[in-house]
């Protein structure tokens, strides 16, 4: 009995992309799986909360993507954009710790035929460290006057930290 409990508890842990303190609770995840639209009812038109809560759910357990599909079908187009942003944020949170989970999230987002979800996914957002996520179809060149830590064609060389900063005229 005890070994069965340990074996069951080890399965979901290996899929998680985030540290223990950043994970969603099992109660919240179970409620989401049973009724994905309950998340929309709880957050009532707060797209930012929807984006971050859903991204936490997905990063905690990427196997929730079928429930996300159900959520998409039950949501408005404004909420779908936030869902797309949540998918992108969850992908960014998983990319370093669980690249397979990040790939699964990216593939799921690409398969979704909803334009609002695609727009939210493609929009520039922030990952959990606050660094911007550039969409693949936008230029990745820094704006004039911005200081970049990496330079070169592939952004692999460290820039000179003592180089004078240009002063705008």
Protein backbone atom coordinates (compact mmCIF):
# COMPACT_ATOMS: atom_id res chain seq x y z
CA UNK A 1 0.00 0.00 0.00
CA UNK A 2 2.73 2.48 0.96
CA UNK A 3 4.82 1.70 -2.13
CA UNK A 4 1.76 2.19 -4.35
CA UNK A 5 1.17 5.62 -2.85
CA UNK A 6 4.79 6.59 -3.41
CA UNK A 7 4.71 5.35 -7.01
CA UNK A 8 1.52 7.30 -7.73
CA UNK A 9 2.91 10.47 -6.22
CA UNK A 10 6.13 10.29 -8.26
CA UNK A 11 4.40 10.28 -11.67
CA UNK A 12 2.99 13.82 -11.82
CA UNK A 13 6.05 15.36 -10.11
CA UNK A 14 8.29 14.51 -13.03
CA UNK A 15 6.10 16.47 -15.47
CA UNK A 16 6.22 19.72 -13.51
CA UNK A 17 8.24 22.60 -14.94
CA UNK A 18 8.30 24.87 -11.90
CA UNK A 19 9.63 24.75 -8.37
CA UNK A 20 7.39 23.48 -5.58
CA UNK A 21 6.57 26.99 -4.31
CA UNK A 22 5.41 28.08 -7.80
CA UNK A 23 3.12 25.11 -8.42
CA UNK A 24 -0.65 25.17 -8.39
CA UNK A 25 -2.33 23.12 -5.68
CA UNK A 26 -3.67 19.67 -6.47
CA UNK A 27 -7.15 20.80 -5.40
CA UNK A 28 -7.11 23.64 -7.98
CA UNK A 29 -5.80 21.32 -10.70
CA UNK A 30 -8.46 18.69 -9.95
CA UNK A 31 -11.19 21.35 -10.02
CA UNK A 32 -9.88 22.60 -13.37
CA UNK A 33 -9.83 19.10 -14.88
CA UNK A 34 -13.39 18.38 -13.67
CA UNK A 35 -14.76 21.72 -14.90
CA UNK A 36 -12.41 23.89 -16.96
CA UNK A 37 -15.00 26.67 -17.26
CA UNK A 38 -14.95 27.05 -13.45
CA UNK A 39 -11.71 28.98 -13.92
CA UNK A 40 -13.57 31.54 -16.06
CA UNK A 41 -16.31 31.81 -13.43
CA UNK A 42 -13.78 32.32 -10.63
CA UNK A 43 -11.80 35.03 -12.39
CA UNK A 44 -14.76 36.85 -14.02
CA UNK A 45 -13.33 38.85 -16.90
CA UNK A 46 -9.89 39.40 -15.35
CA UNK A 47 -7.70 38.43 -18.29
CA UNK A 48 -4.39 39.04 -16.51
CA UNK A 49 -5.33 36.71 -13.66
CA UNK A 50 -6.60 34.16 -16.16
CA UNK A 51 -3.31 34.30 -18.07
CA UNK A 52 -1.09 33.83 -15.02
CA UNK A 53 -3.29 31.28 -13.22
CA UNK A 54 -3.70 29.12 -16.33
CA UNK A 55 0.02 29.31 -17.13
CA UNK A 56 0.75 28.13 -13.59
CA UNK A 57 -1.67 25.22 -14.03
CA UNK A 58 -0.05 24.20 -17.33
CA UNK A 59 3.51 24.61 -16.03
CA UNK A 60 2.60 22.56 -12.95
CA UNK A 61 1.10 19.79 -15.06
CA UNK A 62 1.45 19.99 -18.86
CA UNK A 63 -0.88 17.01 -19.25
CA UNK A 64 -3.78 19.42 -18.57
CA UNK A 65 -3.79 20.50 -22.23
CA UNK A 66 -6.99 18.54 -23.09
CA UNK A 67 -8.76 20.53 -20.36
CA UNK A 68 -7.32 23.72 -21.88
CA UNK A 69 -8.91 22.66 -25.19
CA UNK A 70 -12.25 22.40 -23.41
CA UNK A 71 -11.68 25.79 -21.79
CA UNK A 72 -11.04 27.35 -25.20
CA UNK A 73 -14.33 26.04 -26.60
CA UNK A 74 -16.23 27.43 -23.59
CA UNK A 75 -14.64 30.90 -23.51
CA UNK A 76 -15.18 34.25 -25.24
CA UNK A 77 -12.70 35.54 -27.82
CA UNK A 78 -11.20 37.99 -25.27
CA UNK A 79 -10.60 35.12 -22.88
CA UNK A 80 -9.14 33.04 -25.70
CA UNK A 81 -6.47 35.65 -26.27
CA UNK A 82 -5.52 35.41 -22.58
CA UNK A 83 -5.47 31.61 -22.92
CA UNK A 84 -3.03 31.92 -25.83
CA UNK A 85 -0.83 34.19 -23.71
CA UNK A 86 -1.00 31.65 -20.89
CA UNK A 87 0.18 28.91 -23.25
CA UNK A 88 3.15 31.04 -24.32
CA UNK A 89 4.02 31.90 -20.73
CA UNK A 90 3.79 28.25 -19.66
CA UNK A 91 6.02 27.27 -22.57
CA UNK A 92 8.61 29.84 -21.49
CA UNK A 93 8.49 28.57 -17.91
CA UNK A 94 9.10 24.99 -19.07
CA UNK A 95 11.74 25.56 -21.73
CA UNK A 96 14.79 25.31 -19.45
CA UNK A 97 13.63 22.67 -16.99
CA UNK A 98 11.44 20.45 -19.19
CA UNK A 99 12.06 21.12 -22.90
CA UNK A 100 9.82 18.21 -23.91
CA UNK A 101 6.92 19.75 -22.00
CA UNK A 102 7.63 23.13 -23.62
CA UNK A 103 7.60 21.46 -27.05
CA UNK A 104 4.30 19.75 -26.21
CA UNK A 105 2.78 23.12 -25.22
CA UNK A 106 4.13 24.82 -28.38
CA UNK A 107 2.77 22.03 -30.60
CA UNK A 108 -0.60 22.22 -28.87
CA UNK A 109 -0.75 25.99 -29.40
CA UNK A 110 0.13 25.60 -33.09
CA UNK A 111 -2.61 23.00 -33.60
CA UNK A 112 -5.30 25.26 -32.17
CA UNK A 113 -7.28 26.72 -35.05
CA UNK A 114 -8.62 29.69 -33.08
CA UNK A 115 -7.30 33.07 -34.26
CA UNK A 116 -7.76 34.70 -30.82
CA UNK A 117 -5.66 32.01 -29.15
CA UNK A 118 -3.03 32.35 -31.87
CA UNK A 119 -2.96 36.15 -31.44
CA UNK A 120 -2.50 35.83 -27.67
CA UNK A 121 0.20 33.21 -28.12
CA UNK A 122 2.07 35.29 -30.70
CA UNK A 123 1.91 38.52 -28.72
CA UNK A 124 4.98 39.70 -26.88
CA UNK A 125 4.72 38.81 -23.19
CA UNK A 126 6.97 38.22 -20.22
CA UNK A 127 8.31 35.01 -18.84
CA UNK A 128 8.42 34.30 -15.11
CA UNK A 129 11.70 36.18 -14.73
CA UNK A 130 10.27 39.33 -16.32
CA UNK A 131 12.34 38.98 -19.51
CA UNK A 132 10.44 39.72 -22.70
CA UNK A 133 9.42 36.86 -24.93
CA UNK A 134 9.70 37.97 -28.54
CA UNK A 135 7.32 36.33 -30.95
CA UNK A 136 8.98 34.58 -33.85
CA UNK A 137 7.48 36.90 -36.44
CA UNK A 138 8.72 40.11 -34.86
CA UNK A 139 12.14 41.64 -35.30
CA UNK A 140 14.46 40.74 -32.46
CA UNK A 141 16.78 43.69 -32.92
CA UNK A 142 16.93 45.98 -29.90
CA UNK A 143 15.51 49.44 -30.26
CA UNK A 144 17.97 52.30 -30.77
CA UNK A 145 19.48 53.47 -27.52
CA UNK A 146 18.69 50.29 -25.62
CA UNK A 147 21.57 48.50 -23.94
CA UNK A 148 21.94 44.87 -24.92
CA UNK A 149 23.96 42.40 -22.88
CA UNK A 150 24.63 40.18 -25.90
CA UNK A 151 25.79 41.20 -29.35
CA UNK A 152 26.97 39.68 -32.59
CA UNK A 153 25.06 37.97 -35.36
CA UNK A 154 23.73 35.19 -33.11
CA UNK A 155 23.75 37.20 -29.86
CA UNK A 156 26.43 34.94 -28.37
CA UNK A 157 29.12 37.50 -27.52
CA UNK A 158 28.95 39.52 -24.34
CA UNK A 159 28.92 43.24 -24.97
CA UNK A 160 31.37 45.60 -23.31
CA UNK A 161 29.84 46.61 -19.94
CA UNK A 162 32.09 49.70 -19.81
CA UNK A 163 31.08 51.01 -23.23
CA UNK A 164 29.61 54.52 -22.88
CA UNK A 165 25.84 54.72 -23.15
CA UNK A 166 24.64 56.95 -26.00
CA UNK A 167 22.89 60.08 -24.77
CA UNK A 168 19.79 61.08 -26.74
CA UNK A 169 19.89 64.54 -28.33
